[in-house]
């Protein structure tokens, strides 16, 4: 994920190893990111593709928020 601090990326790596829900969120985020990349590479989008792009962006944002919440919860629950 872009825009993550090195500390948050380290936490994400730890959570990816021990938290299956986090791992699913992370994997889904990567899939959505790739799907959006493919759509943005197209010169023109059909109306259906434009709707799909909006849907994917929304899902990606929701997932990103959930990932951020899990990272924040980890920070609160882990001393140091």
C-alpha atoms as a PDB file:
ATOM      1  CA  UNK A   1       0.000   0.000   0.000  1.00  0.00           C
ATOM      2  CA  UNK A   2       1.258   3.428  -0.791  1.00  0.00           C
ATOM      3  CA  UNK A   3       1.306   6.299   1.692  1.00  0.00           C
ATOM      4  CA  UNK A   4       2.203   4.008   4.582  1.00  0.00           C
ATOM      5  CA  UNK A   5       4.894   4.986   7.002  1.00  0.00           C
ATOM      6  CA  UNK A   6       7.747   2.501   7.395  1.00  0.00           C
ATOM      7  CA  UNK A   7       6.456   1.737  10.907  1.00  0.00           C
ATOM      8  CA  UNK A   8       2.935   1.033   9.612  1.00  0.00           C
ATOM      9  CA  UNK A   9       4.336  -1.132   6.828  1.00  0.00           C
ATOM     10  CA  UNK A  10       6.256  -3.125   9.425  1.00  0.00           C
ATOM     11  CA  UNK A  11       3.075  -3.596  11.468  1.00  0.00           C
ATOM     12  CA  UNK A  12       1.189  -4.616   8.323  1.00  0.00           C
ATOM     13  CA  UNK A  13       3.846  -7.240   7.615  1.00  0.00           C
ATOM     14  CA  UNK A  14       3.485  -8.623  11.159  1.00  0.00           C
ATOM     15  CA  UNK A  15      -0.312  -8.634  10.965  1.00  0.00           C
ATOM     16  CA  UNK A  16      -0.186 -10.318   7.576  1.00  0.00           C
ATOM     17  CA  UNK A  17       1.646 -13.218   9.212  1.00  0.00           C
ATOM     18  CA  UNK A  18      -0.635 -13.683  12.234  1.00  0.00           C
ATOM     19  CA  UNK A  19      -4.082 -12.274  11.371  1.00  0.00           C
ATOM     20  CA  UNK A  20      -6.026 -14.108   8.669  1.00  0.00           C
ATOM     21  CA  UNK A  21      -8.651 -11.355   8.424  1.00  0.00           C
ATOM     22  CA  UNK A  22      -5.926  -8.761   7.903  1.00  0.00           C
ATOM     23  CA  UNK A  23      -4.293 -10.994   5.284  1.00  0.00           C
ATOM     24  CA  UNK A  24      -7.606 -11.275   3.408  1.00  0.00           C
ATOM     25  CA  UNK A  25      -8.072  -7.483   3.522  1.00  0.00           C
ATOM     26  CA  UNK A  26      -4.505  -6.954   2.314  1.00  0.00           C
ATOM     27  CA  UNK A  27      -4.826  -9.477  -0.520  1.00  0.00           C
ATOM     28  CA  UNK A  28      -8.170  -8.021  -1.610  1.00  0.00           C
ATOM     29  CA  UNK A  29      -6.642  -4.542  -1.594  1.00  0.00           C
ATOM     30  CA  UNK A  30      -3.862  -5.711  -3.908  1.00  0.00           C
ATOM     31  CA  UNK A  31      -6.354  -7.364  -6.279  1.00  0.00           C
ATOM     32  CA  UNK A  32      -8.484  -4.207  -6.403  1.00  0.00           C
ATOM     33  CA  UNK A  33      -5.397  -2.073  -6.968  1.00  0.00           C
ATOM     34  CA  UNK A  34      -4.381  -4.228  -9.935  1.00  0.00           C
ATOM     35  CA  UNK A  35      -7.910  -4.227 -11.394  1.00  0.00           C
ATOM     36  CA  UNK A  36      -8.024  -0.440 -11.165  1.00  0.00           C
ATOM     37  CA  UNK A  37      -4.595  -0.169 -12.756  1.00  0.00           C
ATOM     38  CA  UNK A  38      -5.779  -2.212 -15.734  1.00  0.00           C
ATOM     39  CA  UNK A  39      -8.848  -0.035 -16.169  1.00  0.00           C
ATOM     40  CA  UNK A  40      -6.883   3.214 -15.934  1.00  0.00           C
ATOM     41  CA  UNK A  41      -4.513   2.011 -18.642  1.00  0.00           C
ATOM     42  CA  UNK A  42      -7.362   1.902 -21.139  1.00  0.00           C
ATOM     43  CA  UNK A  43      -7.654   4.870 -23.416  1.00  0.00           C
ATOM     44  CA  UNK A  44     -11.454   4.871 -23.253  1.00  0.00           C
ATOM     45  CA  UNK A  45     -13.864   3.255 -20.827  1.00  0.00           C
ATOM     46  CA  UNK A  46     -17.303   2.007 -21.671  1.00  0.00           C
ATOM     47  CA  UNK A  47     -20.112   3.216 -19.400  1.00  0.00           C
ATOM     48  CA  UNK A  48     -20.053  -0.202 -17.734  1.00  0.00           C
ATOM     49  CA  UNK A  49     -16.312   0.057 -17.134  1.00  0.00           C
ATOM     50  CA  UNK A  50     -16.756   3.532 -15.630  1.00  0.00           C
ATOM     51  CA  UNK A  51     -19.347   2.145 -13.201  1.00  0.00           C
ATOM     52  CA  UNK A  52     -17.036  -0.768 -12.425  1.00  0.00           C
ATOM     53  CA  UNK A  53     -14.157   1.625 -11.765  1.00  0.00           C
ATOM     54  CA  UNK A  54     -16.264   3.598  -9.282  1.00  0.00           C
ATOM     55  CA  UNK A  55     -17.331   0.376  -7.574  1.00  0.00           C
ATOM     56  CA  UNK A  56     -13.737  -0.874  -7.328  1.00  0.00           C
ATOM     57  CA  UNK A  57     -12.520   2.476  -5.975  1.00  0.00           C
ATOM     58  CA  UNK A  58     -15.209   2.369  -3.302  1.00  0.00           C
ATOM     59  CA  UNK A  59     -14.339  -1.206  -2.292  1.00  0.00           C
ATOM     60  CA  UNK A  60     -10.646  -0.347  -2.194  1.00  0.00           C
ATOM     61  CA  UNK A  61     -11.275   2.671   0.034  1.00  0.00           C
ATOM     62  CA  UNK A  62     -13.446   0.650   2.422  1.00  0.00           C
ATOM     63  CA  UNK A  63     -10.742  -2.011   2.610  1.00  0.00           C
ATOM     64  CA  UNK A  64      -8.026   0.579   3.141  1.00  0.00           C
ATOM     65  CA  UNK A  65     -10.004   2.021   6.056  1.00  0.00           C
ATOM     66  CA  UNK A  66     -10.336  -1.441   7.616  1.00  0.00           C
ATOM     67  CA  UNK A  67      -6.607  -2.052   7.188  1.00  0.00           C
ATOM     68  CA  UNK A  68      -5.843   1.303   8.823  1.00  0.00           C
ATOM     69  CA  UNK A  69      -8.158   0.480  11.738  1.00  0.00           C
ATOM     70  CA  UNK A  70      -6.415  -2.858  12.312  1.00  0.00           C
ATOM     71  CA  UNK A  71      -3.013  -1.161  12.258  1.00  0.00           C
ATOM     72  CA  UNK A  72      -4.241   1.487  14.706  1.00  0.00           C
ATOM     73  CA  UNK A  73      -5.667  -1.200  17.002  1.00  0.00           C
ATOM     74  CA  UNK A  74      -2.331  -3.021  16.912  1.00  0.00           C
ATOM     75  CA  UNK A  75      -0.521   0.175  17.919  1.00  0.00           C
ATOM     76  CA  UNK A  76      -2.862   0.680  20.888  1.00  0.00           C
ATOM     77  CA  UNK A  77      -2.632  -2.927  22.046  1.00  0.00           C
ATOM     78  CA  UNK A  78       1.135  -3.272  21.687  1.00  0.00           C
ATOM     79  CA  UNK A  79       3.366  -1.508  24.197  1.00  0.00           C
ATOM     80  CA  UNK A  80       6.344   0.400  22.909  1.00  0.00           C
END
